[in-house]
Amino acid sequence: MRKTKELTLAGVLGAISFIIPMYFGGFLMVQIGPFTATLMSHVPTFLAMLISPLAAALVGFASGLGFLLKLGPIAGSRGFMHVIVGFIGGYLVKKGFDYKKVLLILIPVHALLEALVVIPFGKFALPFIFTTIGIGTALHHTIDSIIAYIFANAINKRIKVFKL
């Protein structure tokens, strides 16, 4: 029964991860140059880390696809970094790291990945990229981490699927 719950929840999180940029990109979004922050766009991936590394990577892929289709290649490339962030986070959770600590550990990883992936597009100066995307992603990650932690606890009280 547990695997069925996990598979179902991963599917739902994947769908939500795709829907957030498609329907809320532009509405719940802040944009500064190549940096965009769509509120709660990381939450499904962060929650999927509690299921498994593979689930988190797949949910991250759905996020990247949604951003690519809605906002184009720069936002899409940044969105696909959620695959790596989700997989690393899921792996750390699986190895027994505390969920809150995993979310904190991932802040610099996430910020650096999203800044680096924009460089090949060559449209912006490096200091601008690292300032806007690096710092912006770190702040956005922190806000979405708080939301994900609250959601994880609320969901877990109801269906006991996460190992918190």
Protein backbone atom coordinates (compact mmCIF):
# COMPACT_ATOMS: atom_id res chain seq x y z
CA MET A 1 0.00 0.00 0.00
CA ARG A 2 2.88 2.38 0.80
CA LYS A 3 4.35 2.11 -2.72
CA THR A 4 0.94 2.86 -4.23
CA LYS A 5 0.66 6.01 -2.10
CA GLU A 6 4.18 7.07 -3.05
CA LEU A 7 3.59 6.48 -6.78
CA THR A 8 0.27 8.33 -6.68
CA LEU A 9 1.75 11.25 -4.77
CA ALA A 10 4.75 11.44 -7.14
CA GLY A 11 2.36 11.56 -10.12
CA VAL A 12 0.29 14.30 -8.54
CA LEU A 13 3.42 16.28 -7.63
CA GLY A 14 4.69 15.90 -11.20
CA ALA A 15 1.42 17.25 -12.58
CA ILE A 16 1.47 20.18 -10.14
CA SER A 17 5.11 20.85 -11.00
CA PHE A 18 4.18 21.14 -14.68
CA ILE A 19 1.03 23.19 -14.04
CA ILE A 20 2.66 25.84 -11.81
CA PRO A 21 4.78 27.45 -14.56
CA MET A 22 2.15 26.88 -17.25
CA TYR A 23 -0.67 28.60 -15.38
CA PHE A 24 1.03 30.75 -12.75
CA GLY A 25 4.16 31.80 -14.68
CA GLY A 26 3.47 35.48 -15.17
CA PHE A 27 0.84 35.71 -12.43
CA LEU A 28 2.77 34.61 -9.33
CA MET A 29 6.10 35.51 -10.94
CA VAL A 30 8.83 38.10 -10.42
CA GLN A 31 11.22 38.72 -13.32
CA ILE A 32 14.56 40.57 -13.34
CA GLY A 33 16.51 39.97 -16.54
CA PRO A 34 17.13 36.23 -16.83
CA PHE A 35 15.88 35.63 -13.29
CA THR A 36 12.31 34.56 -12.76
CA ALA A 37 10.77 33.41 -9.52
CA THR A 38 7.38 31.74 -9.65
CA LEU A 39 6.10 31.31 -6.11
CA MET A 40 5.87 27.65 -5.03
CA SER A 41 7.49 26.31 -8.22
CA HIS A 42 10.07 24.35 -6.18
CA VAL A 43 7.58 22.96 -3.67
CA PRO A 44 6.55 19.81 -5.63
CA THR A 45 10.20 18.85 -6.21
CA PHE A 46 11.07 19.51 -2.57
CA LEU A 47 8.17 17.33 -1.44
CA ALA A 48 9.12 14.58 -3.90
CA MET A 49 12.57 14.41 -2.28
CA LEU A 50 10.77 12.77 0.65
CA ILE A 51 9.55 9.97 -1.64
CA SER A 52 12.76 9.03 -3.48
CA PRO A 53 15.60 10.50 -5.54
CA LEU A 54 13.99 9.23 -8.75
CA ALA A 55 10.59 10.70 -7.87
CA ALA A 56 12.21 14.07 -7.12
CA ALA A 57 14.17 14.01 -10.39
CA LEU A 58 11.04 13.19 -12.41
CA VAL A 59 9.03 15.91 -10.69
CA GLY A 60 11.93 18.31 -11.39
CA PHE A 61 11.81 17.28 -15.06
CA ALA A 62 8.10 18.14 -15.20
CA SER A 63 8.95 21.56 -13.77
CA GLY A 64 11.65 22.14 -16.37
CA LEU A 65 9.30 21.13 -19.17
CA GLY A 66 6.62 23.51 -17.90
CA PHE A 67 9.06 26.42 -17.73
CA LEU A 68 10.49 25.62 -21.16
CA LEU A 69 7.06 25.57 -22.80
CA LYS A 70 5.76 28.66 -20.99
CA LEU A 71 8.79 30.95 -20.71
CA GLY A 72 11.37 29.69 -23.20
CA PRO A 73 14.88 28.24 -23.13
CA ILE A 74 16.50 30.32 -20.38
CA ALA A 75 13.76 29.70 -17.82
CA GLY A 76 13.44 26.13 -19.10
CA SER A 77 17.14 25.45 -18.63
CA ARG A 78 16.97 26.81 -15.11
CA GLY A 79 13.86 24.69 -14.48
CA PHE A 80 15.65 21.55 -15.61
CA MET A 81 18.19 22.14 -12.83
CA HIS A 82 15.39 20.97 -10.51
CA VAL A 83 16.16 17.45 -11.77
CA ILE A 84 19.65 17.63 -10.24
CA VAL A 85 18.57 19.49 -7.11
CA GLY A 86 15.71 17.05 -6.55
CA PHE A 87 17.86 13.98 -7.09
CA ILE A 88 20.59 15.19 -4.71
CA GLY A 89 18.00 16.14 -2.11
CA GLY A 90 16.18 12.82 -2.45
CA TYR A 91 19.47 10.96 -2.13
CA LEU A 92 20.42 12.86 1.04
CA VAL A 93 16.98 12.25 2.58
CA LYS A 94 17.26 8.55 1.68
CA LYS A 95 20.66 8.44 3.42
CA GLY A 96 19.04 9.72 6.61
CA PHE A 97 19.79 13.43 6.51
CA ASP A 98 17.22 15.62 8.23
CA TYR A 99 14.80 17.14 5.70
CA LYS A 100 15.30 20.70 6.97
CA LYS A 101 19.07 20.31 6.73
CA VAL A 102 18.79 18.93 3.20
CA LEU A 103 16.78 21.97 2.15
CA LEU A 104 19.47 24.23 3.64
CA ILE A 105 22.36 22.26 2.10
CA LEU A 106 20.75 22.59 -1.33
CA ILE A 107 20.53 26.40 -1.29
CA PRO A 108 24.05 27.07 -2.67
CA VAL A 109 23.89 24.06 -5.01
CA HIS A 110 20.58 25.21 -6.46
CA ALA A 111 21.68 28.84 -6.78
CA LEU A 112 24.97 27.93 -8.47
CA LEU A 113 23.37 25.48 -10.92
CA GLU A 114 20.73 27.97 -12.00
CA ALA A 115 23.32 30.73 -12.45
CA LEU A 116 25.74 28.52 -14.40
CA VAL A 117 23.13 27.21 -16.82
CA VAL A 118 22.33 30.76 -17.99
CA ILE A 119 25.94 31.58 -18.97
CA PRO A 120 25.87 29.79 -22.37
CA PHE A 121 23.03 32.03 -23.51
CA GLY A 122 25.55 34.91 -23.44
CA LYS A 123 22.97 37.66 -23.03
CA PHE A 124 24.06 38.93 -19.62
CA ALA A 125 27.29 39.86 -17.81
CA LEU A 126 28.58 37.30 -15.30
CA PRO A 127 28.32 39.58 -12.25
CA PHE A 128 24.69 40.31 -13.16
CA ILE A 129 23.95 36.60 -13.61
CA PHE A 130 25.48 35.60 -10.29
CA THR A 131 23.87 38.51 -8.45
CA THR A 132 20.35 38.25 -9.82
CA ILE A 133 20.07 34.51 -10.41
CA GLY A 134 22.37 33.32 -7.63
CA ILE A 135 20.95 35.49 -4.87
CA GLY A 136 17.43 35.42 -6.32
CA THR A 137 17.40 31.62 -6.50
CA ALA A 138 18.76 31.36 -2.95
CA LEU A 139 15.94 33.58 -1.65
CA HIS A 140 13.32 31.81 -3.76
CA HIS A 141 14.63 28.40 -2.63
CA THR A 142 14.40 29.50 1.01
CA ILE A 143 10.80 30.70 0.69
CA ASP A 144 9.71 27.55 -1.15
CA SER A 145 11.57 25.39 1.41
CA ILE A 146 9.51 26.88 4.22
CA ILE A 147 6.31 26.27 2.25
CA ALA A 148 7.37 22.69 1.40
CA TYR A 149 8.20 21.92 5.02
CA ILE A 150 4.78 23.17 6.16
CA PHE A 151 3.04 21.17 3.41
CA ALA A 152 5.06 18.02 4.17
CA ASN A 153 4.02 18.10 7.80
CA ALA A 154 0.37 18.77 6.93
CA ILE A 155 0.26 16.00 4.30
CA ASN A 156 2.04 13.56 6.59
CA LYS A 157 -0.50 14.06 9.36
CA ARG A 158 -3.18 12.90 6.95
CA ILE A 159 -1.66 10.08 4.89
CA LYS A 160 1.68 9.22 6.59
CA VAL A 161 3.63 8.91 3.35
CA PHE A 162 6.73 10.95 4.19
CA LYS A 163 9.59 9.92 6.46
CA LEU A 164 10.07 13.18 8.38
